[in-house]
């Protein structure tokens, strides 16, 4: 993989800040995304935080992250959603006649993905597997999930088993997976299958994708945005204040 020259240090993470088209994958690469929800959950879940920190590429999938990076570092970065990296990788696979594997979600969703892939990316070889539901996945290098993926040997493995399970599983099994790229993209499975409609580009450009998702799925999304939103803001304000105090201490000591 190309040495990513543009990553932004953000509290305990290194956030990707480059053009996806500039990446050249030369070794096994783990790609995850971070948003205000996953950031807050990771503060209480050590294994999840370790998995995010262990990403080779950590994408800023949320306007809250983009804004927080700007306020803490003064640097502007661009939101890159899971749907963005998904489409980018599929386009590359289509050109190279590569292969991908979708691990997670339901058989119904996976069938719709295969049907759409056959039309939109006919040159990509596609494999899928819907694992049994578990609240937490154990570390097992000989698990059925690892075996079915390795039997297919895809260029790209898309993992959609909901956060934080998918990130922790991908991180702990990275060395056992016979793939080139591992990409945790969660809800993108449903977006691409059409079982859940992603807000239009109009709302995305207005930076209100989160608001439309909240309106469409209030029962599932309210805590992510209405509870963790203020929690995230509180963490950022505390970090900002801590940095200002540190700077004042340095100035006063001169």
Protein backbone atom coordinates (compact mmCIF):
# COMPACT_ATOMS: atom_id res chain seq x y z
CA UNK A 1 0.00 0.00 0.00
CA UNK A 2 1.18 3.49 -0.78
CA UNK A 3 2.56 5.38 2.18
CA UNK A 4 -0.32 7.67 3.08
CA UNK A 5 1.34 11.06 3.23
CA UNK A 6 -1.77 12.83 4.44
CA UNK A 7 -3.15 11.56 7.71
CA UNK A 8 -4.37 13.87 10.44
CA UNK A 9 -3.63 13.10 14.11
CA UNK A 10 -6.98 13.31 15.89
CA UNK A 11 -6.84 12.64 19.65
CA UNK A 12 -6.05 8.89 19.67
CA UNK A 13 -6.43 8.22 15.95
CA UNK A 14 -4.83 8.93 12.59
CA UNK A 15 -7.57 10.02 10.19
CA UNK A 16 -7.17 9.53 6.44
CA UNK A 17 -6.93 12.78 4.50
CA UNK A 18 -6.15 11.98 0.89
CA UNK A 19 -7.81 11.12 -2.39
CA UNK A 20 -8.92 7.48 -2.57
CA UNK A 21 -7.64 7.38 -6.14
CA UNK A 22 -4.10 7.97 -4.91
CA UNK A 23 -3.92 4.76 -2.89
CA UNK A 24 -1.94 1.87 -4.32
CA UNK A 25 -2.51 -1.35 -2.41
CA UNK A 26 0.69 -3.40 -2.19
CA UNK A 27 0.03 -5.29 1.03
CA UNK A 28 -2.91 -6.54 3.06
CA UNK A 29 -4.90 -3.49 4.11
CA UNK A 30 -7.56 -3.08 6.78
CA UNK A 31 -9.98 -0.20 6.12
CA UNK A 32 -12.41 1.07 8.75
CA UNK A 33 -14.51 4.19 9.16
CA UNK A 34 -15.02 6.42 12.19
CA UNK A 35 -17.92 8.70 13.07
CA UNK A 36 -19.12 10.38 16.25
CA UNK A 37 -21.00 7.25 17.32
CA UNK A 38 -18.09 4.83 16.88
CA UNK A 39 -15.72 7.34 18.50
CA UNK A 40 -17.90 7.55 21.62
CA UNK A 41 -18.50 3.80 21.81
CA UNK A 42 -14.77 3.16 21.47
CA UNK A 43 -14.15 5.34 24.53
CA UNK A 44 -16.01 2.67 26.53
CA UNK A 45 -14.90 -0.41 24.56
CA UNK A 46 -11.15 -1.01 24.65
CA UNK A 47 -11.20 -3.79 22.03
CA UNK A 48 -13.17 -1.61 19.63
CA UNK A 49 -10.77 1.29 20.13
CA UNK A 50 -7.80 -0.99 19.50
CA UNK A 51 -9.44 -2.25 16.30
CA UNK A 52 -9.99 1.29 15.01
CA UNK A 53 -6.47 2.32 15.94
CA UNK A 54 -5.18 -0.78 14.16
CA UNK A 55 -6.72 0.28 10.85
CA UNK A 56 -4.32 0.78 7.96
CA UNK A 57 -6.78 3.37 6.67
CA UNK A 58 -9.35 5.05 8.93
CA UNK A 59 -11.87 7.07 6.96
CA UNK A 60 -13.73 10.11 8.36
CA UNK A 61 -17.31 8.93 7.83
CA UNK A 62 -19.25 11.79 9.37
CA UNK A 63 -19.53 15.56 9.36
CA UNK A 64 -19.03 15.60 13.13
CA UNK A 65 -15.58 14.04 12.74
CA UNK A 66 -14.73 16.42 9.89
CA UNK A 67 -15.77 19.42 11.99
CA UNK A 68 -13.95 18.17 15.11
CA UNK A 69 -10.70 17.66 13.20
CA UNK A 70 -10.93 21.18 11.81
CA UNK A 71 -11.59 22.70 15.25
CA UNK A 72 -8.80 20.79 16.99
CA UNK A 73 -6.12 20.88 14.29
CA UNK A 74 -7.12 23.73 11.98
CA UNK A 75 -6.90 21.36 9.02
CA UNK A 76 -9.72 20.75 6.58
CA UNK A 77 -10.57 17.18 5.65
CA UNK A 78 -13.31 15.69 3.51
CA UNK A 79 -15.95 13.22 4.64
CA UNK A 80 -15.48 9.80 3.04
CA UNK A 81 -18.42 7.52 3.72
CA UNK A 82 -18.46 3.75 3.69
CA UNK A 83 -20.51 3.98 0.49
CA UNK A 84 -17.70 6.01 -1.10
CA UNK A 85 -14.95 3.47 -0.44
CA UNK A 86 -17.31 0.66 -1.46
CA UNK A 87 -18.01 2.22 -4.86
CA UNK A 88 -14.35 3.15 -5.37
CA UNK A 89 -13.17 -0.41 -4.76
CA UNK A 90 -15.88 -1.92 -6.99
CA UNK A 91 -14.90 0.38 -9.85
CA UNK A 92 -11.28 -0.72 -9.52
CA UNK A 93 -12.28 -4.38 -9.38
CA UNK A 94 -14.40 -3.96 -12.52
CA UNK A 95 -11.43 -2.56 -14.42
CA UNK A 96 -9.11 -5.32 -13.20
CA UNK A 97 -11.72 -8.12 -13.46
CA UNK A 98 -11.18 -8.79 -9.77
CA UNK A 99 -13.27 -10.39 -7.05
CA UNK A 100 -15.02 -9.41 -3.83
CA UNK A 101 -16.82 -11.15 -0.99
CA UNK A 102 -19.68 -9.82 1.12
CA UNK A 103 -19.65 -11.22 4.66
CA UNK A 104 -22.66 -10.40 6.80
CA UNK A 105 -26.31 -9.33 6.60
CA UNK A 106 -29.21 -11.57 5.54
CA UNK A 107 -29.52 -13.92 2.59
CA UNK A 108 -32.22 -11.64 1.17
CA UNK A 109 -29.91 -8.64 1.22
CA UNK A 110 -26.99 -10.63 -0.19
CA UNK A 111 -29.15 -11.90 -3.05
CA UNK A 112 -30.11 -8.33 -3.97
CA UNK A 113 -26.42 -7.37 -3.86
CA UNK A 114 -25.48 -10.20 -6.22
CA UNK A 115 -28.29 -9.22 -8.60
CA UNK A 116 -27.20 -5.59 -8.70
CA UNK A 117 -23.53 -6.52 -9.05
CA UNK A 118 -24.32 -8.71 -12.06
CA UNK A 119 -25.76 -5.68 -13.82
CA UNK A 120 -23.53 -2.87 -12.61
CA UNK A 121 -20.19 -4.69 -12.32
CA UNK A 122 -20.43 -7.79 -14.55
CA UNK A 123 -16.66 -8.34 -14.61
CA UNK A 124 -16.39 -8.73 -10.84
CA UNK A 125 -16.57 -12.23 -9.37
CA UNK A 126 -18.81 -12.07 -6.27
CA UNK A 127 -19.08 -14.32 -3.23
CA UNK A 128 -21.37 -13.96 -0.21
CA UNK A 129 -22.03 -15.53 3.18
CA UNK A 130 -24.61 -14.73 5.84
CA UNK A 131 -23.21 -15.93 9.20
CA UNK A 132 -25.48 -16.88 12.11
CA UNK A 133 -26.28 -13.95 14.37
CA UNK A 134 -24.24 -13.52 17.54
CA UNK A 135 -24.12 -10.57 19.91
CA UNK A 136 -20.34 -10.94 19.96
CA UNK A 137 -17.98 -12.92 17.71
CA UNK A 138 -15.24 -14.98 19.31
CA UNK A 139 -11.65 -15.06 18.08
CA UNK A 140 -11.39 -18.25 16.01
CA UNK A 141 -9.00 -18.54 13.09
CA UNK A 142 -10.76 -21.74 11.97
CA UNK A 143 -14.29 -20.36 12.11
CA UNK A 144 -16.74 -20.93 9.27
CA UNK A 145 -16.53 -17.24 8.36
CA UNK A 146 -12.77 -17.46 7.82
CA UNK A 147 -13.05 -20.75 5.92
CA UNK A 148 -15.67 -19.58 3.42
CA UNK A 149 -13.78 -16.35 2.72
CA UNK A 150 -10.46 -18.13 2.25
CA UNK A 151 -12.03 -20.74 0.00
CA UNK A 152 -13.16 -17.91 -2.30
CA UNK A 153 -9.88 -15.92 -2.03
CA UNK A 154 -11.34 -12.50 -2.91
CA UNK A 155 -9.34 -9.41 -3.70
CA UNK A 156 -11.63 -7.41 -1.41
CA UNK A 157 -13.61 -8.57 1.61
CA UNK A 158 -16.54 -6.35 2.59
CA UNK A 159 -17.63 -6.93 6.18
CA UNK A 160 -21.13 -5.90 7.22
CA UNK A 161 -21.88 -7.34 10.66
CA UNK A 162 -22.68 -4.02 12.44
CA UNK A 163 -20.34 -1.94 14.56
CA UNK A 164 -18.47 -2.61 16.75
CA UNK A 165 -18.63 -6.36 16.03
CA UNK A 166 -17.42 -6.08 12.44
CA UNK A 167 -14.38 -3.94 13.23
CA UNK A 168 -13.28 -6.12 16.13
CA UNK A 169 -13.72 -9.29 14.08
CA UNK A 170 -11.87 -7.91 11.05
CA UNK A 171 -8.98 -6.67 13.19
CA UNK A 172 -8.56 -9.89 15.17
CA UNK A 173 -8.79 -12.12 12.07
CA UNK A 174 -6.80 -10.00 9.62
CA UNK A 175 -3.77 -12.28 9.67
CA UNK A 176 -5.89 -15.38 8.99
CA UNK A 177 -7.80 -14.02 6.01
CA UNK A 178 -6.49 -14.78 2.52
CA UNK A 179 -7.53 -11.43 1.04
CA UNK A 180 -5.83 -8.25 -0.11
CA UNK A 181 -8.22 -5.68 1.33
CA UNK A 182 -10.59 -5.94 4.30
CA UNK A 183 -13.21 -3.20 4.45
CA UNK A 184 -15.82 -2.83 7.22
CA UNK A 185 -18.79 -0.94 5.78
CA UNK A 186 -21.85 -1.95 7.85
CA UNK A 187 -25.00 -0.25 6.57
CA UNK A 188 -23.62 -0.04 3.01
CA UNK A 189 -24.80 -3.62 2.47
CA UNK A 190 -28.41 -2.44 2.86
CA UNK A 191 -27.82 0.77 0.93
CA UNK A 192 -26.39 -1.08 -2.05
CA UNK A 193 -29.02 -3.82 -1.92
CA UNK A 194 -31.77 -1.20 -1.76
CA UNK A 195 -33.31 -2.65 1.40
CA UNK A 196 -32.56 0.68 3.10
CA UNK A 197 -32.56 3.88 1.06
CA UNK A 198 -29.60 6.19 1.58
CA UNK A 199 -30.45 9.91 1.61
CA UNK A 200 -30.02 11.58 -1.78
CA UNK A 201 -26.93 13.55 -2.80
CA UNK A 202 -28.97 16.73 -2.19
CA UNK A 203 -29.05 16.05 1.56
CA UNK A 204 -25.51 14.68 1.59
CA UNK A 205 -24.20 17.88 -0.04
CA UNK A 206 -26.07 19.92 2.58
CA UNK A 207 -24.32 17.83 5.27
CA UNK A 208 -27.70 16.65 6.53
CA UNK A 209 -27.50 12.94 5.70
CA UNK A 210 -27.58 12.17 9.43
CA UNK A 211 -30.83 14.15 9.87
CA UNK A 212 -32.66 12.32 7.09
CA UNK A 213 -31.50 8.95 8.43
CA UNK A 214 -32.83 9.98 11.84
CA UNK A 215 -36.21 10.92 10.34
CA UNK A 216 -36.45 7.63 8.44
CA UNK A 217 -35.31 5.37 11.29
CA UNK A 218 -35.92 7.27 14.54
CA UNK A 219 -36.18 4.16 16.72
CA UNK A 220 -32.77 2.87 15.59
CA UNK A 221 -30.97 6.15 15.07
CA UNK A 222 -32.13 8.42 17.89
CA UNK A 223 -29.47 7.34 20.36
CA UNK A 224 -26.70 7.51 17.76
CA UNK A 225 -27.42 11.17 16.98
CA UNK A 226 -29.44 12.66 19.85
CA UNK A 227 -27.52 11.02 22.69
CA UNK A 228 -24.03 10.41 21.32
CA UNK A 229 -24.04 13.72 19.43
CA UNK A 230 -23.93 15.82 22.64
CA UNK A 231 -21.53 13.32 24.23
CA UNK A 232 -19.16 13.73 21.29
CA UNK A 233 -19.40 17.52 21.42
CA UNK A 234 -18.60 17.41 25.12
CA UNK A 235 -15.47 15.32 24.49
CA UNK A 236 -14.27 17.69 21.78
CA UNK A 237 -14.88 20.80 23.90
CA UNK A 238 -13.01 19.20 26.79
CA UNK A 239 -10.10 18.34 24.49
CA UNK A 240 -10.09 21.87 23.05
CA UNK A 241 -10.06 23.39 26.53
CA UNK A 242 -7.27 21.06 27.63
CA UNK A 243 -5.14 22.11 24.66
CA UNK A 244 -5.78 25.81 25.32
CA UNK A 245 -4.78 25.43 28.97
CA UNK A 246 -1.65 23.57 27.91
CA UNK A 247 -0.77 26.35 25.48
CA UNK A 248 -1.33 29.03 28.13
CA UNK A 249 0.91 27.14 30.54
CA UNK A 250 3.67 27.06 27.91
CA UNK A 251 3.26 30.78 27.19
CA UNK A 252 3.29 31.68 30.89
CA UNK A 253 6.47 29.67 31.44
CA UNK A 254 8.39 31.65 28.80
